[in-house]
Full PDB file with SEQRES, HELIX, SHEET, SSBOND, CRYST1, ORIGX, SCALE, CONECT and MASTER records, all heavy atoms in Angstrom:
SEQRES   1 A   37  TYR ALA ASP SER MET LYS GLY ARG PHE THR ILE SER ARG          
SEQRES   2 A   37  ASP ASP ALA LYS SER ALA VAL TYR LEU GLN MET ASN SER          
SEQRES   3 A   37  LEU LYS PRO GLU ASP THR ALA VAL TYR TYR CYS                  
HELIX    1 AA1 ASP A    3  MET A    5  5                                   3    
HELIX    2 AA2 ASP A   15  LYS A   17  5                                   3    
HELIX    3 AA3 PRO A   29  ASP A   31  5                                   3    
SHEET    1 AA1 2 PHE A   9  ASP A  14  0                                        
SHEET    2 AA1 2 ALA A  19  MET A  24 -1                                        
CRYST1    1.000    1.000    1.000  90.00  90.00  90.00 P 1           1          
ORIGX1      1.000000  0.000000  0.000000        0.00000                         
ORIGX2      0.000000  1.000000  0.000000        0.00000                         
ORIGX3      0.000000  0.000000  1.000000        0.00000                         
SCALE1      1.000000  0.000000  0.000000        0.00000                         
SCALE2      0.000000  1.000000  0.000000        0.00000                         
SCALE3      0.000000  0.000000  1.000000        0.00000                         
ATOM      1  N   TYR A   1      -6.984  -5.799  -3.396  1.00  0.00           N  
ATOM      2  CA  TYR A   1      -6.834  -5.225  -2.081  1.00  0.00           C  
ATOM      3  C   TYR A   1      -7.619  -5.952  -1.037  1.00  0.00           C  
ATOM      4  O   TYR A   1      -8.732  -6.451  -1.307  1.00  0.00           O  
ATOM      5  CB  TYR A   1      -7.319  -3.749  -2.073  1.00  0.00           C  
ATOM      6  CG  TYR A   1      -6.531  -2.815  -3.060  1.00  0.00           C  
ATOM      7  CD1 TYR A   1      -6.976  -2.670  -4.337  1.00  0.00           C  
ATOM      8  CD2 TYR A   1      -5.372  -2.206  -2.648  1.00  0.00           C  
ATOM      9  CE1 TYR A   1      -6.286  -1.878  -5.217  1.00  0.00           C  
ATOM     10  CE2 TYR A   1      -4.647  -1.444  -3.507  1.00  0.00           C  
ATOM     11  CZ  TYR A   1      -5.128  -1.218  -4.798  1.00  0.00           C  
ATOM     12  OH  TYR A   1      -4.433  -0.456  -5.697  1.00  0.00           O  
ATOM     13  N   ALA A   2      -7.076  -5.973   0.178  1.00  0.00           N  
ATOM     14  CA  ALA A   2      -7.847  -6.439   1.286  1.00  0.00           C  
ATOM     15  C   ALA A   2      -9.012  -5.448   1.528  1.00  0.00           C  
ATOM     16  O   ALA A   2      -8.847  -4.253   1.228  1.00  0.00           O  
ATOM     17  CB  ALA A   2      -7.016  -6.529   2.548  1.00  0.00           C  
ATOM     18  N   ASP A   3     -10.121  -5.927   2.021  1.00  0.00           N  
ATOM     19  CA  ASP A   3     -11.307  -5.064   2.114  1.00  0.00           C  
ATOM     20  C   ASP A   3     -11.023  -3.823   2.913  1.00  0.00           C  
ATOM     21  O   ASP A   3     -11.507  -2.749   2.544  1.00  0.00           O  
ATOM     22  CB  ASP A   3     -12.423  -5.867   2.773  1.00  0.00           C  
ATOM     23  CG  ASP A   3     -13.025  -6.897   1.825  1.00  0.00           C  
ATOM     24  OD1 ASP A   3     -12.805  -6.816   0.616  1.00  0.00           O  
ATOM     25  OD2 ASP A   3     -13.723  -7.804   2.335  1.00  0.00           O  
ATOM     26  N   SER A   4     -10.245  -3.929   3.976  1.00  0.00           N  
ATOM     27  CA  SER A   4     -10.040  -2.728   4.848  1.00  0.00           C  
ATOM     28  C   SER A   4      -9.150  -1.690   4.226  1.00  0.00           C  
ATOM     29  O   SER A   4      -9.009  -0.600   4.715  1.00  0.00           O  
ATOM     30  CB  SER A   4      -9.531  -3.190   6.202  1.00  0.00           C  
ATOM     31  OG  SER A   4      -8.283  -3.839   6.022  1.00  0.00           O  
ATOM     32  N   MET A   5      -8.475  -2.057   3.097  1.00  0.00           N  
ATOM     33  CA  MET A   5      -7.584  -1.118   2.422  1.00  0.00           C  
ATOM     34  C   MET A   5      -8.207  -0.490   1.156  1.00  0.00           C  
ATOM     35  O   MET A   5      -7.685   0.495   0.685  1.00  0.00           O  
ATOM     36  CB  MET A   5      -6.313  -1.825   2.017  1.00  0.00           C  
ATOM     37  CG  MET A   5      -5.355  -2.137   3.120  1.00  0.00           C  
ATOM     38  SD  MET A   5      -6.000  -3.490   4.179  1.00  0.00           S  
ATOM     39  CE  MET A   5      -4.588  -3.865   5.211  1.00  0.00           C  
ATOM     40  N   LYS A   6      -9.267  -1.019   0.704  1.00  0.00           N  
ATOM     41  CA  LYS A   6      -9.902  -0.502  -0.494  1.00  0.00           C  
ATOM     42  C   LYS A   6     -10.281   0.981  -0.342  1.00  0.00           C  
ATOM     43  O   LYS A   6     -10.893   1.368   0.656  1.00  0.00           O  
ATOM     44  CB  LYS A   6     -11.111  -1.348  -0.858  1.00  0.00           C  
ATOM     45  CG  LYS A   6     -10.766  -2.744  -1.375  1.00  0.00           C  
ATOM     46  CD  LYS A   6     -12.039  -3.522  -1.705  1.00  0.00           C  
ATOM     47  CE  LYS A   6     -11.699  -4.925  -2.171  1.00  0.00           C  
ATOM     48  NZ  LYS A   6     -12.876  -5.728  -2.443  1.00  0.00           N  
ATOM     49  N   GLY A   7      -9.904   1.728  -1.345  1.00  0.00           N  
ATOM     50  CA  GLY A   7     -10.239   3.159  -1.297  1.00  0.00           C  
ATOM     51  C   GLY A   7      -9.205   4.000  -0.523  1.00  0.00           C  
ATOM     52  O   GLY A   7      -9.226   5.220  -0.614  1.00  0.00           O  
ATOM     53  N   ARG A   8      -8.349   3.333   0.219  1.00  0.00           N  
ATOM     54  CA  ARG A   8      -7.283   4.103   0.977  1.00  0.00           C  
ATOM     55  C   ARG A   8      -5.890   3.834   0.418  1.00  0.00           C  
ATOM     56  O   ARG A   8      -5.038   4.678   0.417  1.00  0.00           O  
ATOM     57  CB  ARG A   8      -7.356   3.722   2.423  1.00  0.00           C  
ATOM     58  CG  ARG A   8      -8.675   4.022   3.132  1.00  0.00           C  
ATOM     59  CD  ARG A   8      -8.520   3.898   4.625  1.00  0.00           C  
ATOM     60  NE  ARG A   8      -8.147   2.510   5.050  1.00  0.00           N  
ATOM     61  CZ  ARG A   8      -7.095   2.262   5.822  1.00  0.00           C  
ATOM     62  NH1 ARG A   8      -6.342   3.239   6.298  1.00  0.00           N  
ATOM     63  NH2 ARG A   8      -6.815   1.001   6.140  1.00  0.00           N  
ATOM     64  N   PHE A   9      -5.670   2.567   0.018  1.00  0.00           N  
ATOM     65  CA  PHE A   9      -4.309   2.179  -0.468  1.00  0.00           C  
ATOM     66  C   PHE A   9      -4.311   1.984  -1.955  1.00  0.00           C  
ATOM     67  O   PHE A   9      -5.339   1.516  -2.508  1.00  0.00           O  
ATOM     68  CB  PHE A   9      -3.892   0.853   0.217  1.00  0.00           C  
ATOM     69  CG  PHE A   9      -3.610   0.984   1.698  1.00  0.00           C  
ATOM     70  CD1 PHE A   9      -3.927   2.117   2.440  1.00  0.00           C  
ATOM     71  CD2 PHE A   9      -3.000  -0.083   2.373  1.00  0.00           C  
ATOM     72  CE1 PHE A   9      -3.612   2.218   3.782  1.00  0.00           C  
ATOM     73  CE2 PHE A   9      -2.698  -0.018   3.743  1.00  0.00           C  
ATOM     74  CZ  PHE A   9      -3.038   1.118   4.419  1.00  0.00           C  
ATOM     75  N   THR A  10      -3.211   2.266  -2.573  1.00  0.00           N  
ATOM     76  CA  THR A  10      -3.051   2.047  -4.038  1.00  0.00           C  
ATOM     77  C   THR A  10      -1.674   1.349  -4.309  1.00  0.00           C  
ATOM     78  O   THR A  10      -0.658   1.923  -3.881  1.00  0.00           O  
ATOM     79  CB  THR A  10      -3.134   3.326  -4.826  1.00  0.00           C  
ATOM     80  OG1 THR A  10      -4.402   3.982  -4.515  1.00  0.00           O  
ATOM     81  CG2 THR A  10      -3.051   3.082  -6.311  1.00  0.00           C  
ATOM     82  N   ILE A  11      -1.706   0.266  -4.970  1.00  0.00           N  
ATOM     83  CA  ILE A  11      -0.498  -0.417  -5.359  1.00  0.00           C  
ATOM     84  C   ILE A  11      -0.198  -0.128  -6.842  1.00  0.00           C  
ATOM     85  O   ILE A  11      -1.098  -0.017  -7.684  1.00  0.00           O  
ATOM     86  CB  ILE A  11      -0.581  -1.964  -5.158  1.00  0.00           C  
ATOM     87  CG1 ILE A  11       0.728  -2.622  -5.348  1.00  0.00           C  
ATOM     88  CG2 ILE A  11      -1.717  -2.577  -6.013  1.00  0.00           C  
ATOM     89  CD1 ILE A  11       0.775  -4.078  -4.941  1.00  0.00           C  
ATOM     90  N   SER A  12       1.075   0.075  -7.121  1.00  0.00           N  
ATOM     91  CA  SER A  12       1.491   0.319  -8.470  1.00  0.00           C  
ATOM     92  C   SER A  12       2.903  -0.250  -8.661  1.00  0.00           C  
ATOM     93  O   SER A  12       3.586  -0.612  -7.703  1.00  0.00           O  
ATOM     94  CB  SER A  12       1.491   1.816  -8.803  1.00  0.00           C  
ATOM     95  OG  SER A  12       2.325   2.544  -7.951  1.00  0.00           O  
ATOM     96  N   ARG A  13       3.349  -0.289  -9.913  1.00  0.00           N  
ATOM     97  CA  ARG A  13       4.702  -0.828 -10.176  1.00  0.00           C  
ATOM     98  C   ARG A  13       5.349  -0.103 -11.345  1.00  0.00           C  
ATOM     99  O   ARG A  13       4.627   0.481 -12.221  1.00  0.00           O  
ATOM    100  CB  ARG A  13       4.628  -2.349 -10.478  1.00  0.00           C  
ATOM    101  CG  ARG A  13       3.914  -2.737 -11.757  1.00  0.00           C  
ATOM    102  CD  ARG A  13       3.671  -4.228 -11.815  1.00  0.00           C  
ATOM    103  NE  ARG A  13       4.926  -4.964 -11.953  1.00  0.00           N  
ATOM    104  CZ  ARG A  13       5.048  -6.271 -11.738  1.00  0.00           C  
ATOM    105  NH1 ARG A  13       3.978  -6.984 -11.409  1.00  0.00           N  
ATOM    106  NH2 ARG A  13       6.198  -6.848 -11.908  1.00  0.00           N  
ATOM    107  N   ASP A  14       6.617  -0.113 -11.363  1.00  0.00           N  
ATOM    108  CA  ASP A  14       7.396   0.485 -12.456  1.00  0.00           C  
ATOM    109  C   ASP A  14       8.505  -0.505 -12.738  1.00  0.00           C  
ATOM    110  O   ASP A  14       9.546  -0.529 -12.066  1.00  0.00           O  
ATOM    111  CB  ASP A  14       7.973   1.842 -12.045  1.00  0.00           C  
ATOM    112  CG  ASP A  14       8.687   2.538 -13.169  1.00  0.00           C  
ATOM    113  OD1 ASP A  14       9.028   1.865 -14.139  1.00  0.00           O  
ATOM    114  OD2 ASP A  14       8.950   3.737 -13.073  1.00  0.00           O  
ATOM    115  N   ASP A  15       8.297  -1.356 -13.728  1.00  0.00           N  
ATOM    116  CA  ASP A  15       9.253  -2.387 -14.019  1.00  0.00           C  
ATOM    117  C   ASP A  15      10.582  -1.863 -14.533  1.00  0.00           C  
ATOM    118  O   ASP A  15      11.616  -2.494 -14.376  1.00  0.00           O  
ATOM    119  CB  ASP A  15       8.671  -3.415 -15.031  1.00  0.00           C  
ATOM    120  CG  ASP A  15       7.571  -4.262 -14.387  1.00  0.00           C  
ATOM    121  OD1 ASP A  15       7.536  -4.366 -13.140  1.00  0.00           O  
ATOM    122  OD2 ASP A  15       6.762  -4.834 -15.174  1.00  0.00           O  
ATOM    123  N   ALA A  16      10.520  -0.679 -15.169  1.00  0.00           N  
ATOM    124  CA  ALA A  16      11.790  -0.102 -15.647  1.00  0.00           C  
ATOM    125  C   ALA A  16      12.686   0.231 -14.486  1.00  0.00           C  
ATOM    126  O   ALA A  16      13.930   0.266 -14.636  1.00  0.00           O  
ATOM    127  CB  ALA A  16      11.462   1.150 -16.422  1.00  0.00           C  
ATOM    128  N   LYS A  17      12.100   0.513 -13.321  1.00  0.00           N  
ATOM    129  CA  LYS A  17      12.860   0.811 -12.139  1.00  0.00           C  
ATOM    130  C   LYS A  17      12.914  -0.396 -11.176  1.00  0.00           C  
ATOM    131  O   LYS A  17      13.441  -0.277 -10.054  1.00  0.00           O  
ATOM    132  CB  LYS A  17      12.267   2.014 -11.393  1.00  0.00           C  
ATOM    133  CG  LYS A  17      12.274   3.285 -12.201  1.00  0.00           C  
ATOM    134  CD  LYS A  17      11.709   4.450 -11.405  1.00  0.00           C  
ATOM    135  CE  LYS A  17      11.805   5.728 -12.228  1.00  0.00           C  
ATOM    136  NZ  LYS A  17      11.234   6.892 -11.506  1.00  0.00           N  
ATOM    137  N   SER A  18      12.362  -1.515 -11.580  1.00  0.00           N  
ATOM    138  CA  SER A  18      12.283  -2.680 -10.689  1.00  0.00           C  
ATOM    139  C   SER A  18      11.667  -2.345  -9.364  1.00  0.00           C  
ATOM    140  O   SER A  18      12.195  -2.707  -8.301  1.00  0.00           O  
ATOM    141  CB  SER A  18      13.672  -3.312 -10.517  1.00  0.00           C  
ATOM    142  OG  SER A  18      14.157  -3.816 -11.709  1.00  0.00           O  
ATOM    143  N   ALA A  19      10.545  -1.574  -9.384  1.00  0.00           N  
ATOM    144  CA  ALA A  19       9.985  -1.082  -8.179  1.00  0.00           C  
ATOM    145  C   ALA A  19       8.498  -1.344  -8.133  1.00  0.00           C  
ATOM    146  O   ALA A  19       7.813  -1.343  -9.155  1.00  0.00           O  
ATOM    147  CB  ALA A  19      10.281   0.406  -8.043  1.00  0.00           C  
ATOM    148  N   VAL A  20       8.008  -1.496  -6.902  1.00  0.00           N  
ATOM    149  CA  VAL A  20       6.603  -1.555  -6.641  1.00  0.00           C  
ATOM    150  C   VAL A  20       6.339  -0.640  -5.478  1.00  0.00           C  
ATOM    151  O   VAL A  20       7.167  -0.475  -4.612  1.00  0.00           O  
ATOM    152  CB  VAL A  20       6.144  -2.996  -6.365  1.00  0.00           C  
ATOM    153  CG1 VAL A  20       6.815  -3.538  -5.160  1.00  0.00           C  
ATOM    154  CG2 VAL A  20       4.592  -3.091  -6.301  1.00  0.00           C  
ATOM    155  N   TYR A  21       5.154   0.017  -5.539  1.00  0.00           N  
ATOM    156  CA  TYR A  21       4.839   1.022  -4.559  1.00  0.00           C  
ATOM    157  C   TYR A  21       3.546   0.771  -3.870  1.00  0.00           C  
ATOM    158  O   TYR A  21       2.638   0.107  -4.425  1.00  0.00           O  
ATOM    159  CB  TYR A  21       4.738   2.393  -5.235  1.00  0.00           C  
ATOM    160  CG  TYR A  21       5.964   2.735  -6.023  1.00  0.00           C  
ATOM    161  CD1 TYR A  21       5.990   2.619  -7.422  1.00  0.00           C  
ATOM    162  CD2 TYR A  21       7.167   3.208  -5.448  1.00  0.00           C  
ATOM    163  CE1 TYR A  21       7.078   2.914  -8.205  1.00  0.00           C  
ATOM    164  CE2 TYR A  21       8.264   3.490  -6.215  1.00  0.00           C  
ATOM    165  CZ  TYR A  21       8.259   3.373  -7.562  1.00  0.00           C  
ATOM    166  OH  TYR A  21       9.337   3.649  -8.309  1.00  0.00           O  
ATOM    167  N   LEU A  22       3.419   1.261  -2.653  1.00  0.00           N  
ATOM    168  CA  LEU A  22       2.099   1.193  -1.936  1.00  0.00           C  
ATOM    169  C   LEU A  22       1.844   2.599  -1.374  1.00  0.00           C  
ATOM    170  O   LEU A  22       2.512   3.033  -0.445  1.00  0.00           O  
ATOM    171  CB  LEU A  22       2.167   0.170  -0.827  1.00  0.00           C  
ATOM    172  CG  LEU A  22       0.826  -0.044  -0.113  1.00  0.00           C  
ATOM    173  CD1 LEU A  22      -0.204  -0.692  -1.035  1.00  0.00           C  
ATOM    174  CD2 LEU A  22       0.970  -0.871   1.168  1.00  0.00           C  
ATOM    175  N   GLN A  23       0.890   3.304  -2.014  1.00  0.00           N  
ATOM    176  CA  GLN A  23       0.490   4.608  -1.503  1.00  0.00           C  
ATOM    177  C   GLN A  23      -0.629   4.372  -0.471  1.00  0.00           C  
ATOM    178  O   GLN A  23      -1.624   3.736  -0.794  1.00  0.00           O  
ATOM    179  CB  GLN A  23      -0.087   5.454  -2.677  1.00  0.00           C  
ATOM    180  CG  GLN A  23      -0.607   6.813  -2.247  1.00  0.00           C  
ATOM    181  CD  GLN A  23       0.480   7.723  -1.686  1.00  0.00           C  
ATOM    182  OE1 GLN A  23       1.556   7.807  -2.267  1.00  0.00           O  
ATOM    183  NE2 GLN A  23       0.194   8.413  -0.600  1.00  0.00           N  
ATOM    184  N   MET A  24      -0.395   4.872   0.715  1.00  0.00           N  
ATOM    185  CA  MET A  24      -1.312   4.676   1.808  1.00  0.00           C  
ATOM    186  C   MET A  24      -1.834   5.986   2.278  1.00  0.00           C  
ATOM    187  O   MET A  24      -1.062   6.860   2.745  1.00  0.00           O  
ATOM    188  CB  MET A  24      -0.613   3.928   2.969  1.00  0.00           C  
ATOM    189  CG  MET A  24       0.038   2.619   2.556  1.00  0.00           C  
ATOM    190  SD  MET A  24       0.668   1.703   3.962  1.00  0.00           S  
ATOM    191  CE  MET A  24       1.945   2.796   4.537  1.00  0.00           C  
ATOM    192  N   ASN A  25      -3.127   6.182   2.130  1.00  0.00           N  
ATOM    193  CA  ASN A  25      -3.791   7.457   2.557  1.00  0.00           C  
ATOM    194  C   ASN A  25      -4.769   7.148   3.726  1.00  0.00           C  
ATOM    195  O   ASN A  25      -5.123   5.994   3.900  1.00  0.00           O  
ATOM    196  CB  ASN A  25      -4.518   8.064   1.365  1.00  0.00           C  
ATOM    197  CG  ASN A  25      -3.620   8.430   0.237  1.00  0.00           C  
ATOM    198  OD1 ASN A  25      -2.471   8.782   0.435  1.00  0.00           O  
ATOM    199  ND2 ASN A  25      -4.137   8.320  -0.974  1.00  0.00           N  
ATOM    200  N   SER A  26      -5.204   8.203   4.354  1.00  0.00           N  
ATOM    201  CA  SER A  26      -6.169   8.099   5.472  1.00  0.00           C  
ATOM    202  C   SER A  26      -5.762   7.014   6.454  1.00  0.00           C  
ATOM    203  O   SER A  26      -6.566   6.132   6.804  1.00  0.00           O  
ATOM    204  CB  SER A  26      -7.586   7.802   4.899  1.00  0.00           C  
ATOM    205  OG  SER A  26      -7.972   8.819   3.988  1.00  0.00           O  
ATOM    206  N   LEU A  27      -4.513   7.056   6.853  1.00  0.00           N  
ATOM    207  CA  LEU A  27      -4.010   6.005   7.740  1.00  0.00           C  
ATOM    208  C   LEU A  27      -4.692   6.010   9.086  1.00  0.00           C  
ATOM    209  O   LEU A  27      -5.048   7.097   9.611  1.00  0.00           O  
ATOM    210  CB  LEU A  27      -2.469   6.158   7.886  1.00  0.00           C  
ATOM    211  CG  LEU A  27      -1.685   5.652   6.619  1.00  0.00           C  
ATOM    212  CD1 LEU A  27      -0.285   6.234   6.646  1.00  0.00           C  
ATOM    213  CD2 LEU A  27      -1.685   4.123   6.608  1.00  0.00           C  
ATOM    214  N   LYS A  28      -4.831   4.835   9.611  1.00  0.00           N  
ATOM    215  CA  LYS A  28      -5.451   4.644  10.968  1.00  0.00           C  
ATOM    216  C   LYS A  28      -4.479   3.973  11.871  1.00  0.00           C  
ATOM    217  O   LYS A  28      -3.583   3.258  11.417  1.00  0.00           O  
ATOM    218  CB  LYS A  28      -6.708   3.744  10.793  1.00  0.00           C  
ATOM    219  CG  LYS A  28      -7.664   4.226   9.712  1.00  0.00           C  
ATOM    220  CD  LYS A  28      -8.779   3.197   9.540  1.00  0.00           C  
ATOM    221  CE  LYS A  28      -9.750   3.626   8.484  1.00  0.00           C  
ATOM    222  NZ  LYS A  28     -10.846   2.634   8.246  1.00  0.00           N  
ATOM    223  N   PRO A  29      -4.628   4.131  13.159  1.00  0.00           N  
ATOM    224  CA  PRO A  29      -3.742   3.426  14.127  1.00  0.00           C  
ATOM    225  C   PRO A  29      -3.675   1.955  13.895  1.00  0.00           C  
ATOM    226  O   PRO A  29      -2.641   1.304  14.094  1.00  0.00           O  
ATOM    227  CB  PRO A  29      -4.363   3.794  15.467  1.00  0.00           C  
ATOM    228  CG  PRO A  29      -4.997   5.091  15.271  1.00  0.00           C  
ATOM    229  CD  PRO A  29      -5.555   5.040  13.840  1.00  0.00           C  
ATOM    230  N   GLU A  30      -4.779   1.337  13.473  1.00  0.00           N  
ATOM    231  CA  GLU A  30      -4.787  -0.096  13.217  1.00  0.00           C  
ATOM    232  C   GLU A  30      -3.957  -0.535  11.954  1.00  0.00           C  
ATOM    233  O   GLU A  30      -3.812  -1.696  11.698  1.00  0.00           O  
ATOM    234  CB  GLU A  30      -6.217  -0.627  13.107  1.00  0.00           C  
ATOM    235  CG  GLU A  30      -7.080   0.131  12.152  1.00  0.00           C  
ATOM    236  CD  GLU A  30      -7.935   1.181  12.838  1.00  0.00           C  
ATOM    237  OE1 GLU A  30      -7.407   1.885  13.745  1.00  0.00           O  
ATOM    238  OE2 GLU A  30      -9.146   1.268  12.479  1.00  0.00           O  
ATOM    239  N   ASP A  31      -3.480   0.460  11.225  1.00  0.00           N  
ATOM    240  CA  ASP A  31      -2.606   0.173  10.108  1.00  0.00           C  
ATOM    241  C   ASP A  31      -1.161  -0.020  10.566  1.00  0.00           C  
ATOM    242  O   ASP A  31      -0.275  -0.357   9.759  1.00  0.00           O  
ATOM    243  CB  ASP A  31      -2.639   1.289   9.071  1.00  0.00           C  
ATOM    244  CG  ASP A  31      -3.976   1.389   8.368  1.00  0.00           C  
ATOM    245  OD1 ASP A  31      -4.545   0.334   8.040  1.00  0.00           O  
ATOM    246  OD2 ASP A  31      -4.447   2.541   8.151  1.00  0.00           O  
ATOM    247  N   THR A  32      -0.903   0.244  11.815  1.00  0.00           N  
ATOM    248  CA  THR A  32       0.464   0.054  12.382  1.00  0.00           C  
ATOM    249  C   THR A  32       0.910  -1.379  12.245  1.00  0.00           C  
ATOM    250  O   THR A  32       0.184  -2.311  12.664  1.00  0.00           O  
ATOM    251  CB  THR A  32       0.496   0.510  13.869  1.00  0.00           C  
ATOM    252  OG1 THR A  32       0.232   1.909  13.957  1.00  0.00           O  
ATOM    253  CG2 THR A  32       1.849   0.194  14.473  1.00  0.00           C  
ATOM    254  N   ALA A  33       2.006  -1.563  11.584  1.00  0.00           N  
ATOM    255  CA  ALA A  33       2.544  -2.926  11.345  1.00  0.00           C  
ATOM    256  C   ALA A  33       3.877  -2.817  10.626  1.00  0.00           C  
ATOM    257  O   ALA A  33       4.267  -1.732  10.190  1.00  0.00           O  
ATOM    258  CB  ALA A  33       1.554  -3.703  10.430  1.00  0.00           C  
ATOM    259  N   VAL A  34       4.526  -3.953  10.489  1.00  0.00           N  
ATOM    260  CA  VAL A  34       5.671  -4.081   9.590  1.00  0.00           C  
ATOM    261  C   VAL A  34       5.112  -4.474   8.234  1.00  0.00           C  
ATOM    262  O   VAL A  34       4.343  -5.452   8.145  1.00  0.00           O  
ATOM    263  CB  VAL A  34       6.699  -5.091  10.085  1.00  0.00           C  
ATOM    264  CG1 VAL A  34       7.834  -5.200   9.067  1.00  0.00           C  
ATOM    265  CG2 VAL A  34       7.218  -4.655  11.446  1.00  0.00           C  
ATOM    266  N   TYR A  35       5.470  -3.756   7.194  1.00  0.00           N  
ATOM    267  CA  TYR A  35       4.981  -4.003   5.867  1.00  0.00           C  
ATOM    268  C   TYR A  35       6.071  -4.660   5.037  1.00  0.00           C  
ATOM    269  O   TYR A  35       7.210  -4.222   4.983  1.00  0.00           O  
ATOM    270  CB  TYR A  35       4.550  -2.692   5.190  1.00  0.00           C  
ATOM    271  CG  TYR A  35       3.245  -2.179   5.717  1.00  0.00           C  
ATOM    272  CD1 TYR A  35       3.133  -1.664   7.009  1.00  0.00           C  
ATOM    273  CD2 TYR A  35       2.074  -2.254   4.962  1.00  0.00           C  
ATOM    274  CE1 TYR A  35       1.923  -1.222   7.504  1.00  0.00           C  
ATOM    275  CE2 TYR A  35       0.860  -1.799   5.439  1.00  0.00           C  
ATOM    276  CZ  TYR A  35       0.775  -1.268   6.710  1.00  0.00           C  
ATOM    277  OH  TYR A  35      -0.429  -0.854   7.199  1.00  0.00           O  
ATOM    278  N   TYR A  36       5.680  -5.725   4.381  1.00  0.00           N  
ATOM    279  CA  TYR A  36       6.595  -6.527   3.536  1.00  0.00           C  
ATOM    280  C   TYR A  36       6.145  -6.536   2.082  1.00  0.00           C  
ATOM    281  O   TYR A  36       4.945  -6.721   1.850  1.00  0.00           O  
ATOM    282  CB  TYR A  36       6.610  -7.970   4.026  1.00  0.00           C  
ATOM    283  CG  TYR A  36       7.107  -8.138   5.445  1.00  0.00           C  
ATOM    284  CD1 TYR A  36       6.213  -8.140   6.494  1.00  0.00           C  
ATOM    285  CD2 TYR A  36       8.449  -8.379   5.747  1.00  0.00           C  
ATOM    286  CE1 TYR A  36       6.661  -8.282   7.844  1.00  0.00           C  
ATOM    287  CE2 TYR A  36       8.914  -8.527   7.013  1.00  0.00           C  
ATOM    288  CZ  TYR A  36       7.989  -8.520   8.067  1.00  0.00           C  
ATOM    289  OH  TYR A  36       8.435  -8.672   9.356  1.00  0.00           O  
ATOM    290  N   CYS A  37       7.077  -6.426   1.157  1.00  0.00           N  
ATOM    291  CA  CYS A  37       6.716  -6.698  -0.210  1.00  0.00           C  
ATOM    292  C   CYS A  37       7.171  -8.082  -0.571  1.00  0.00           C  
ATOM    293  O   CYS A  37       8.107  -8.637   0.056  1.00  0.00           O  
ATOM    294  CB  CYS A  37       7.305  -5.655  -1.158  1.00  0.00           C  
ATOM    295  SG  CYS A  37       9.047  -5.748  -1.480  1.00  0.00           S  
TER     296      CYS A  37                                                      
MASTER        0    0    0    3    2    0    0    6  295    1    0    3          
END                                                                             
């Protein structure tokens, strides 16, 4: 994780579903962005 995301964001994957996830908690206005996998 990038330092500013540690403790707030969690990445996980499910290869059976060909999926990766990003759980984002305690969001801040500075998290506003386009997110790309």
